[in-house]
Amino acid sequence: MQLPAFSGFRLDGKRALVTGGGRGLGLASGVALARAGAHVTLAARSAAELQAARDAIRAEGGSADFMVLDVTDPAAVKREIDSRAAFHVLVNNAGMNRPRLLTDTPDEDIDAVFTLNVKAAFYVAREVARGLQAQGLPGSIINVSSQMGLVGSPRRTLYCASKHALEGMSKALAWELGAAGIRVNTLCPTFIDTALTAPMFADPAFRNFVIDRIALGRLGRVEEVMGPIVFLASDASSLMTGSALVLDGGWTAA
């Protein structure tokens, strides 16, 4: 009997780009990819954070460098990505949220959220895809979405609109890039306990609102994103494209 082959979750020899890579989910993604064997490039605007993250990954034996980049600047995105070898893996993680009621949302919030959450993701995916296609390489694009890309919630009309847009973009790209062997999926986490979200959860009413909607009865942890990122980046998910991997603790099961 010949047993089926499985290439596993390793990423040896692969190059990965992670936007928003200096902290939070982006940093966790970069660490996970490096531990799986990839050479990781962390991209963000803060050189100090990036350097510290790179040094920490290298200190534990990983391979990493960094790219100081404003992903909302398409010319800068093209220049920086074109100056490097093609990336086999992209984690489009940079994003933001400005929760307000629709009637209280100013135009500048609409512009800021869509510019980072949608347009910047488009810019980076476009350049990474161009690099892969130019060399005839397969790849994996992981767009970090949210459970709010699948459902709605009060005070998150703008955020939901941006993440629903990212979901639609990812599905279209899966068809557009599939013939080239480039897979495109989204990762959809629930609320994750980070330094960035801590001020929101200082409000007991909001914390209870969130916990009551998570079947596991708790917030997500940063490290719980790491395994799914490696799964989507590796050949373990080789038949998966145009899909959303939901890490919501049961929120969308209700």
C-alpha atoms as a PDB file:
ATOM      1  CA  MET A   1       0.000   0.000   0.000  1.00  0.00           C
ATOM      2  CA  GLN A   2       1.287   3.439  -0.913  1.00  0.00           C
ATOM      3  CA  LEU A   3       0.368   6.028   1.669  1.00  0.00           C
ATOM      4  CA  PRO A   4      -0.592   9.560   0.594  1.00  0.00           C
ATOM      5  CA  ALA A   5       2.163  12.142   0.664  1.00  0.00           C
ATOM      6  CA  PHE A   6       1.955  15.283   2.774  1.00  0.00           C
ATOM      7  CA  SER A   7       4.399  18.129   2.402  1.00  0.00           C
ATOM      8  CA  GLY A   8       3.602  19.497   5.845  1.00  0.00           C
ATOM      9  CA  PHE A   9       3.653  22.997   7.227  1.00  0.00           C
ATOM     10  CA  ARG A  10       7.249  23.935   6.467  1.00  0.00           C
ATOM     11  CA  LEU A  11       8.168  27.064   4.512  1.00  0.00           C
ATOM     12  CA  ASP A  12      11.879  26.474   3.994  1.00  0.00           C
ATOM     13  CA  GLY A  13      13.242  28.463   1.056  1.00  0.00           C
ATOM     14  CA  LYS A  14      10.177  30.727   0.927  1.00  0.00           C
ATOM     15  CA  ARG A  15      10.213  34.511   1.209  1.00  0.00           C
ATOM     16  CA  ALA A  16       7.371  36.134   3.129  1.00  0.00           C
ATOM     17  CA  LEU A  17       6.258  39.765   3.426  1.00  0.00           C
ATOM     18  CA  VAL A  18       4.149  40.851   6.411  1.00  0.00           C
ATOM     19  CA  THR A  19       2.632  44.335   6.509  1.00  0.00           C
ATOM     20  CA  GLY A  20       1.945  45.923   9.866  1.00  0.00           C
ATOM     21  CA  GLY A  21       4.711  43.599  11.010  1.00  0.00           C
ATOM     22  CA  GLY A  22       6.125  45.524  13.951  1.00  0.00           C
ATOM     23  CA  ARG A  23       3.553  44.579  16.558  1.00  0.00           C
ATOM     24  CA  GLY A  24       0.417  42.601  17.368  1.00  0.00           C
ATOM     25  CA  LEU A  25      -0.942  40.152  14.813  1.00  0.00           C
ATOM     26  CA  GLY A  26       1.598  41.208  12.203  1.00  0.00           C
ATOM     27  CA  LEU A  27       4.538  40.463  14.461  1.00  0.00           C
ATOM     28  CA  ALA A  28       2.989  37.152  15.541  1.00  0.00           C
ATOM     29  CA  SER A  29       2.526  36.233  11.876  1.00  0.00           C
ATOM     30  CA  GLY A  30       6.130  37.078  11.089  1.00  0.00           C
ATOM     31  CA  VAL A  31       7.406  35.018  14.015  1.00  0.00           C
ATOM     32  CA  ALA A  32       5.265  32.039  12.996  1.00  0.00           C
ATOM     33  CA  LEU A  33       6.443  32.154   9.385  1.00  0.00           C
ATOM     34  CA  ALA A  34      10.082  32.467  10.430  1.00  0.00           C
ATOM     35  CA  ARG A  35       9.759  29.505  12.789  1.00  0.00           C
ATOM     36  CA  ALA A  36       8.319  27.507   9.876  1.00  0.00           C
ATOM     37  CA  GLY A  37      11.493  28.212   7.899  1.00  0.00           C
ATOM     38  CA  ALA A  38      10.598  31.261   5.792  1.00  0.00           C
ATOM     39  CA  HIS A  39      12.748  34.340   5.373  1.00  0.00           C
ATOM     40  CA  VAL A  40      10.451  37.089   6.657  1.00  0.00           C
ATOM     41  CA  THR A  41      10.394  40.759   5.695  1.00  0.00           C
ATOM     42  CA  LEU A  42       8.481  42.872   8.206  1.00  0.00           C
ATOM     43  CA  ALA A  43       6.985  46.075   6.789  1.00  0.00           C
ATOM     44  CA  ALA A  44       5.609  49.074   8.674  1.00  0.00           C
ATOM     45  CA  ARG A  45       6.307  52.771   9.203  1.00  0.00           C
ATOM     46  CA  SER A  46       8.186  52.526  12.512  1.00  0.00           C
ATOM     47  CA  ALA A  47      11.836  51.643  11.955  1.00  0.00           C
ATOM     48  CA  ALA A  48      12.519  51.204  15.678  1.00  0.00           C
ATOM     49  CA  GLU A  49       9.766  48.619  16.145  1.00  0.00           C
ATOM     50  CA  LEU A  50      10.764  46.775  13.000  1.00  0.00           C
ATOM     51  CA  GLN A  51      14.405  46.620  13.978  1.00  0.00           C
ATOM     52  CA  ALA A  52      13.538  45.269  17.426  1.00  0.00           C
ATOM     53  CA  ALA A  53      11.246  42.650  15.892  1.00  0.00           C
ATOM     54  CA  ARG A  54      13.856  41.620  13.333  1.00  0.00           C
ATOM     55  CA  ASP A  55      16.536  41.309  15.991  1.00  0.00           C
ATOM     56  CA  ALA A  56      14.278  39.190  18.217  1.00  0.00           C
ATOM     57  CA  ILE A  57      13.474  36.791  15.359  1.00  0.00           C
ATOM     58  CA  ARG A  58      17.143  36.488  14.468  1.00  0.00           C
ATOM     59  CA  ALA A  59      18.059  35.930  18.118  1.00  0.00           C
ATOM     60  CA  GLU A  60      16.027  32.733  18.173  1.00  0.00           C
ATOM     61  CA  GLY A  61      17.531  31.507  14.900  1.00  0.00           C
ATOM     62  CA  GLY A  62      15.010  32.846  12.391  1.00  0.00           C
ATOM     63  CA  SER A  63      15.733  34.690   9.159  1.00  0.00           C
ATOM     64  CA  ALA A  64      14.296  38.200   8.938  1.00  0.00           C
ATOM     65  CA  ASP A  65      14.784  41.720   7.660  1.00  0.00           C
ATOM     66  CA  PHE A  66      12.547  44.755   7.521  1.00  0.00           C
ATOM     67  CA  MET A  67      11.166  47.344   5.149  1.00  0.00           C
ATOM     68  CA  VAL A  68      10.171  50.823   6.336  1.00  0.00           C
ATOM     69  CA  LEU A  69       7.098  51.435   4.215  1.00  0.00           C
ATOM     70  CA  ASP A  70       3.892  53.442   4.127  1.00  0.00           C
ATOM     71  CA  VAL A  71       1.595  50.929   2.441  1.00  0.00           C
ATOM     72  CA  THR A  72      -0.915  53.670   1.575  1.00  0.00           C
ATOM     73  CA  ASP A  73       1.629  55.150  -0.876  1.00  0.00           C
ATOM     74  CA  PRO A  74       1.374  53.125  -4.114  1.00  0.00           C
ATOM     75  CA  ALA A  75       4.600  54.535  -5.567  1.00  0.00           C
ATOM     76  CA  ALA A  76       6.528  53.573  -2.425  1.00  0.00           C
ATOM     77  CA  VAL A  77       4.941  50.118  -2.401  1.00  0.00           C
ATOM     78  CA  LYS A  78       5.992  49.526  -5.994  1.00  0.00           C
ATOM     79  CA  ARG A  79       9.505  50.852  -5.440  1.00  0.00           C
ATOM     80  CA  GLU A  80      10.221  48.832  -2.315  1.00  0.00           C
ATOM     81  CA  ILE A  81       8.723  45.535  -3.493  1.00  0.00           C
ATOM     82  CA  ASP A  82      10.261  45.803  -6.959  1.00  0.00           C
ATOM     83  CA  SER A  83      13.692  46.274  -5.367  1.00  0.00           C
ATOM     84  CA  ARG A  84      13.568  42.822  -3.776  1.00  0.00           C
ATOM     85  CA  ALA A  85      13.253  39.237  -4.920  1.00  0.00           C
ATOM     86  CA  ALA A  86       9.700  37.940  -5.320  1.00  0.00           C
ATOM     87  CA  PHE A  87       7.758  37.098  -2.182  1.00  0.00           C
ATOM     88  CA  HIS A  88       6.148  33.649  -2.133  1.00  0.00           C
ATOM     89  CA  VAL A  89       3.920  34.606   0.793  1.00  0.00           C
ATOM     90  CA  LEU A  90       2.146  37.870   1.573  1.00  0.00           C
ATOM     91  CA  VAL A  91       0.349  38.598   4.825  1.00  0.00           C
ATOM     92  CA  ASN A  92      -1.628  41.790   4.193  1.00  0.00           C
ATOM     93  CA  ASN A  93      -2.099  42.653   7.845  1.00  0.00           C
ATOM     94  CA  ALA A  94      -1.935  46.468   8.084  1.00  0.00           C
ATOM     95  CA  GLY A  95      -5.330  47.836   9.064  1.00  0.00           C
ATOM     96  CA  MET A  96      -7.256  50.173  11.337  1.00  0.00           C
ATOM     97  CA  ASN A  97     -10.659  50.796  12.880  1.00  0.00           C
ATOM     98  CA  ARG A  98     -12.451  53.959  13.939  1.00  0.00           C
ATOM     99  CA  PRO A  99     -15.655  52.749  15.612  1.00  0.00           C
ATOM    100  CA  ARG A 100     -18.467  55.289  15.508  1.00  0.00           C
ATOM    101  CA  LEU A 101     -22.157  55.415  14.751  1.00  0.00           C
ATOM    102  CA  LEU A 102     -22.858  56.019  11.067  1.00  0.00           C
ATOM    103  CA  THR A 103     -24.342  59.431  11.832  1.00  0.00           C
ATOM    104  CA  ASP A 104     -21.210  60.454  13.754  1.00  0.00           C
ATOM    105  CA  THR A 105     -18.682  59.274  11.158  1.00  0.00           C
ATOM    106  CA  PRO A 106     -16.756  62.122   9.484  1.00  0.00           C
ATOM    107  CA  ASP A 107     -15.494  61.929   5.914  1.00  0.00           C
ATOM    108  CA  GLU A 108     -11.880  61.807   7.053  1.00  0.00           C
ATOM    109  CA  ASP A 109     -12.566  58.521   8.896  1.00  0.00           C
ATOM    110  CA  ILE A 110     -14.069  57.007   5.751  1.00  0.00           C
ATOM    111  CA  ASP A 111     -11.022  58.002   3.732  1.00  0.00           C
ATOM    112  CA  ALA A 112      -8.525  56.801   6.357  1.00  0.00           C
ATOM    113  CA  VAL A 113     -10.116  53.391   6.938  1.00  0.00           C
ATOM    114  CA  PHE A 114     -10.669  52.567   3.267  1.00  0.00           C
ATOM    115  CA  THR A 115      -7.229  53.834   2.307  1.00  0.00           C
ATOM    116  CA  LEU A 116      -5.472  51.484   4.731  1.00  0.00           C
ATOM    117  CA  ASN A 117      -7.852  48.523   4.928  1.00  0.00           C
ATOM    118  CA  VAL A 118      -8.697  48.248   1.230  1.00  0.00           C
ATOM    119  CA  LYS A 119      -6.559  50.380  -1.060  1.00  0.00           C
ATOM    120  CA  ALA A 120      -3.249  49.579   0.651  1.00  0.00           C
ATOM    121  CA  ALA A 121      -4.049  45.850   0.622  1.00  0.00           C
ATOM    122  CA  PHE A 122      -4.746  46.180  -3.106  1.00  0.00           C
ATOM    123  CA  TYR A 123      -1.456  48.022  -3.733  1.00  0.00           C
ATOM    124  CA  VAL A 124       0.662  45.452  -1.909  1.00  0.00           C
ATOM    125  CA  ALA A 125      -1.122  42.416  -3.362  1.00  0.00           C
ATOM    126  CA  ARG A 126      -0.760  43.898  -6.846  1.00  0.00           C
ATOM    127  CA  GLU A 127       3.015  44.281  -6.569  1.00  0.00           C
ATOM    128  CA  VAL A 128       3.558  40.886  -4.934  1.00  0.00           C
ATOM    129  CA  ALA A 129       1.446  39.222  -7.640  1.00  0.00           C
ATOM    130  CA  ARG A 130       3.373  41.030 -10.358  1.00  0.00           C
ATOM    131  CA  GLY A 131       6.645  39.758  -8.906  1.00  0.00           C
ATOM    132  CA  LEU A 132       5.426  36.175  -8.748  1.00  0.00           C
ATOM    133  CA  GLN A 133       3.959  36.242 -12.255  1.00  0.00           C
ATOM    134  CA  ALA A 134       7.126  37.735 -13.731  1.00  0.00           C
ATOM    135  CA  GLN A 135       9.066  34.714 -12.477  1.00  0.00           C
ATOM    136  CA  GLY A 136       6.332  32.125 -12.998  1.00  0.00           C
ATOM    137  CA  LEU A 137       6.203  31.315  -9.278  1.00  0.00           C
ATOM    138  CA  PRO A 138       3.248  30.083  -7.224  1.00  0.00           C
ATOM    139  CA  GLY A 139       2.389  31.894  -4.030  1.00  0.00           C
ATOM    140  CA  SER A 140      -0.031  32.506  -1.187  1.00  0.00           C
ATOM    141  CA  ILE A 141      -1.657  35.861  -0.460  1.00  0.00           C
ATOM    142  CA  ILE A 142      -3.288  36.074   2.957  1.00  0.00           C
ATOM    143  CA  ASN A 143      -5.488  39.111   3.491  1.00  0.00           C
ATOM    144  CA  VAL A 144      -6.152  39.656   7.188  1.00  0.00           C
ATOM    145  CA  SER A 145      -9.838  40.413   7.344  1.00  0.00           C
ATOM    146  CA  SER A 146     -12.085  40.026  10.391  1.00  0.00           C
ATOM    147  CA  GLN A 147     -15.231  38.300  11.542  1.00  0.00           C
ATOM    148  CA  MET A 148     -16.679  41.736  10.709  1.00  0.00           C
ATOM    149  CA  GLY A 149     -16.012  40.933   7.068  1.00  0.00           C
ATOM    150  CA  LEU A 150     -18.745  38.303   7.381  1.00  0.00           C
ATOM    151  CA  VAL A 151     -21.267  39.906   9.753  1.00  0.00           C
ATOM    152  CA  GLY A 152     -22.280  43.342  11.028  1.00  0.00           C
ATOM    153  CA  SER A 153     -22.093  45.032  14.407  1.00  0.00           C
ATOM    154  CA  PRO A 154     -23.101  48.356  15.990  1.00  0.00           C
ATOM    155  CA  ARG A 155     -20.625  51.238  15.605  1.00  0.00           C
ATOM    156  CA  ARG A 156     -18.693  49.263  13.015  1.00  0.00           C
ATOM    157  CA  THR A 157     -20.445  50.181   9.785  1.00  0.00           C
ATOM    158  CA  LEU A 158     -17.281  51.680   8.334  1.00  0.00           C
ATOM    159  CA  TYR A 159     -15.010  48.856   9.490  1.00  0.00           C
ATOM    160  CA  CYS A 160     -17.465  46.206   8.271  1.00  0.00           C
ATOM    161  CA  ALA A 161     -17.720  47.943   4.900  1.00  0.00           C
ATOM    162  CA  SER A 162     -13.934  47.877   4.509  1.00  0.00           C
ATOM    163  CA  LYS A 163     -13.571  44.240   5.543  1.00  0.00           C
ATOM    164  CA  HIS A 164     -16.495  43.098   3.386  1.00  0.00           C
ATOM    165  CA  ALA A 165     -14.698  44.849   0.515  1.00  0.00           C
ATOM    166  CA  LEU A 166     -11.512  42.930   1.350  1.00  0.00           C
ATOM    167  CA  GLU A 167     -13.460  39.668   1.298  1.00  0.00           C
ATOM    168  CA  GLY A 168     -14.855  40.457  -2.163  1.00  0.00           C
ATOM    169  CA  MET A 169     -11.456  41.505  -3.462  1.00  0.00           C
ATOM    170  CA  SER A 170      -9.921  38.259  -2.208  1.00  0.00           C
ATOM    171  CA  LYS A 171     -12.540  36.102  -3.899  1.00  0.00           C
ATOM    172  CA  ALA A 172     -12.042  37.906  -7.206  1.00  0.00           C
ATOM    173  CA  LEU A 173      -8.251  37.621  -6.922  1.00  0.00           C
ATOM    174  CA  ALA A 174      -8.541  33.895  -6.234  1.00  0.00           C
ATOM    175  CA  TRP A 175     -10.082  33.488  -9.700  1.00  0.00           C
ATOM    176  CA  GLU A 176      -7.801  35.998 -11.355  1.00  0.00           C
ATOM    177  CA  LEU A 177      -4.566  34.506 -10.004  1.00  0.00           C
ATOM    178  CA  GLY A 178      -5.506  30.854  -9.609  1.00  0.00           C
ATOM    179  CA  ALA A 179      -4.257  29.766 -13.018  1.00  0.00           C
ATOM    180  CA  ALA A 180      -0.816  31.118 -12.064  1.00  0.00           C
ATOM    181  CA  GLY A 181      -0.774  28.988  -8.913  1.00  0.00           C
ATOM    182  CA  ILE A 182      -1.230  31.996  -6.638  1.00  0.00           C
ATOM    183  CA  ARG A 183      -3.751  31.317  -3.886  1.00  0.00           C
ATOM    184  CA  VAL A 184      -5.676  34.114  -2.134  1.00  0.00           C
ATOM    185  CA  ASN A 185      -7.484  33.604   1.160  1.00  0.00           C
ATOM    186  CA  THR A 186      -8.597  35.688   4.113  1.00  0.00           C
ATOM    187  CA  LEU A 187      -8.075  35.207   7.817  1.00  0.00           C
ATOM    188  CA  CYS A 188     -11.031  36.377   9.909  1.00  0.00           C
ATOM    189  CA  PRO A 189     -10.250  36.685  13.628  1.00  0.00           C
ATOM    190  CA  THR A 190     -12.579  37.807  16.351  1.00  0.00           C
ATOM    191  CA  PHE A 191     -11.517  40.368  18.958  1.00  0.00           C
ATOM    192  CA  ILE A 192      -7.938  39.627  19.995  1.00  0.00           C
ATOM    193  CA  ASP A 193      -6.512  40.684  23.350  1.00  0.00           C
ATOM    194  CA  THR A 194      -3.647  43.042  22.459  1.00  0.00           C
ATOM    195  CA  ALA A 195      -2.196  46.298  23.722  1.00  0.00           C
ATOM    196  CA  LEU A 196      -4.124  48.033  20.941  1.00  0.00           C
ATOM    197  CA  THR A 197      -7.507  46.613  21.984  1.00  0.00           C
ATOM    198  CA  ALA A 198      -6.922  46.881  25.743  1.00  0.00           C
ATOM    199  CA  PRO A 199      -8.477  50.368  26.059  1.00  0.00           C
ATOM    200  CA  MET A 200     -11.713  49.123  24.449  1.00  0.00           C
ATOM    201  CA  PHE A 201     -12.002  46.264  26.928  1.00  0.00           C
ATOM    202  CA  ALA A 202     -11.469  48.591  29.885  1.00  0.00           C
ATOM    203  CA  ASP A 203     -15.166  49.379  29.383  1.00  0.00           C
ATOM    204  CA  PRO A 204     -17.026  46.536  31.189  1.00  0.00           C
ATOM    205  CA  ALA A 205     -20.159  46.993  29.084  1.00  0.00           C
ATOM    206  CA  PHE A 206     -18.244  46.590  25.829  1.00  0.00           C
ATOM    207  CA  ARG A 207     -16.245  43.664  27.170  1.00  0.00           C
ATOM    208  CA  ASN A 208     -19.457  41.896  28.193  1.00  0.00           C
ATOM    209  CA  PHE A 209     -21.015  42.656  24.793  1.00  0.00           C
ATOM    210  CA  VAL A 210     -18.091  40.931  23.081  1.00  0.00           C
ATOM    211  CA  ILE A 211     -17.674  37.973  25.448  1.00  0.00           C
ATOM    212  CA  ASP A 212     -21.410  37.210  25.300  1.00  0.00           C
ATOM    213  CA  ARG A 213     -21.091  36.696  21.538  1.00  0.00           C
ATOM    214  CA  ILE A 214     -18.081  34.389  21.628  1.00  0.00           C
ATOM    215  CA  ALA A 215     -19.075  30.766  22.243  1.00  0.00           C
ATOM    216  CA  LEU A 216     -15.746  30.026  23.947  1.00  0.00           C
ATOM    217  CA  GLY A 217     -16.450  32.805  26.443  1.00  0.00           C
ATOM    218  CA  ARG A 218     -13.159  34.645  26.042  1.00  0.00           C
ATOM    219  CA  LEU A 219     -11.158  36.933  23.782  1.00  0.00           C
ATOM    220  CA  GLY A 220      -8.740  35.525  21.252  1.00  0.00           C
ATOM    221  CA  ARG A 221      -5.019  35.429  21.989  1.00  0.00           C
ATOM    222  CA  VAL A 222      -2.318  36.655  19.609  1.00  0.00           C
ATOM    223  CA  GLU A 223      -0.640  33.252  19.475  1.00  0.00           C
ATOM    224  CA  GLU A 224      -3.871  31.662  18.246  1.00  0.00           C
ATOM    225  CA  VAL A 225      -3.379  33.390  14.892  1.00  0.00           C
ATOM    226  CA  MET A 226       0.078  31.893  14.325  1.00  0.00           C
ATOM    227  CA  GLY A 227      -0.884  28.337  13.350  1.00  0.00           C
ATOM    228  CA  PRO A 228      -3.589  29.424  10.882  1.00  0.00           C
ATOM    229  CA  ILE A 229      -1.152  31.842   9.213  1.00  0.00           C
ATOM    230  CA  VAL A 230       1.368  29.039   8.653  1.00  0.00           C
ATOM    231  CA  PHE A 231      -1.418  26.770   7.391  1.00  0.00           C
ATOM    232  CA  LEU A 232      -2.548  29.305   4.793  1.00  0.00           C
ATOM    233  CA  ALA A 233       1.026  30.102   3.763  1.00  0.00           C
ATOM    234  CA  SER A 234       2.129  26.494   3.378  1.00  0.00           C
ATOM    235  CA  ASP A 235       1.283  23.646   1.030  1.00  0.00           C
ATOM    236  CA  ALA A 236      -0.910  22.238   3.807  1.00  0.00           C
ATOM    237  CA  SER A 237      -3.644  24.479   2.328  1.00  0.00           C
ATOM    238  CA  SER A 238      -2.694  23.886  -1.317  1.00  0.00           C
ATOM    239  CA  LEU A 239      -6.306  23.316  -2.444  1.00  0.00           C
ATOM    240  CA  MET A 240      -7.648  26.339  -0.585  1.00  0.00           C
ATOM    241  CA  THR A 241      -8.254  29.633  -2.386  1.00  0.00           C
ATOM    242  CA  GLY A 242     -11.031  32.197  -2.328  1.00  0.00           C
ATOM    243  CA  SER A 243     -11.902  31.085   1.186  1.00  0.00           C
ATOM    244  CA  ALA A 244     -12.194  32.722   4.583  1.00  0.00           C
ATOM    245  CA  LEU A 245     -10.557  30.971   7.524  1.00  0.00           C
ATOM    246  CA  VAL A 246     -12.657  32.070  10.488  1.00  0.00           C
ATOM    247  CA  LEU A 247     -11.070  32.336  13.955  1.00  0.00           C
ATOM    248  CA  ASP A 248     -14.002  33.798  15.829  1.00  0.00           C
ATOM    249  CA  GLY A 249     -14.538  31.510  18.820  1.00  0.00           C
ATOM    250  CA  GLY A 250     -18.022  30.769  17.484  1.00  0.00           C
ATOM    251  CA  TRP A 251     -19.245  34.358  16.961  1.00  0.00           C
ATOM    252  CA  THR A 252     -20.579  33.726  13.437  1.00  0.00           C
ATOM    253  CA  ALA A 253     -22.099  30.358  14.422  1.00  0.00           C
ATOM    254  CA  ALA A 254     -24.965  32.089  16.224  1.00  0.00           C
END
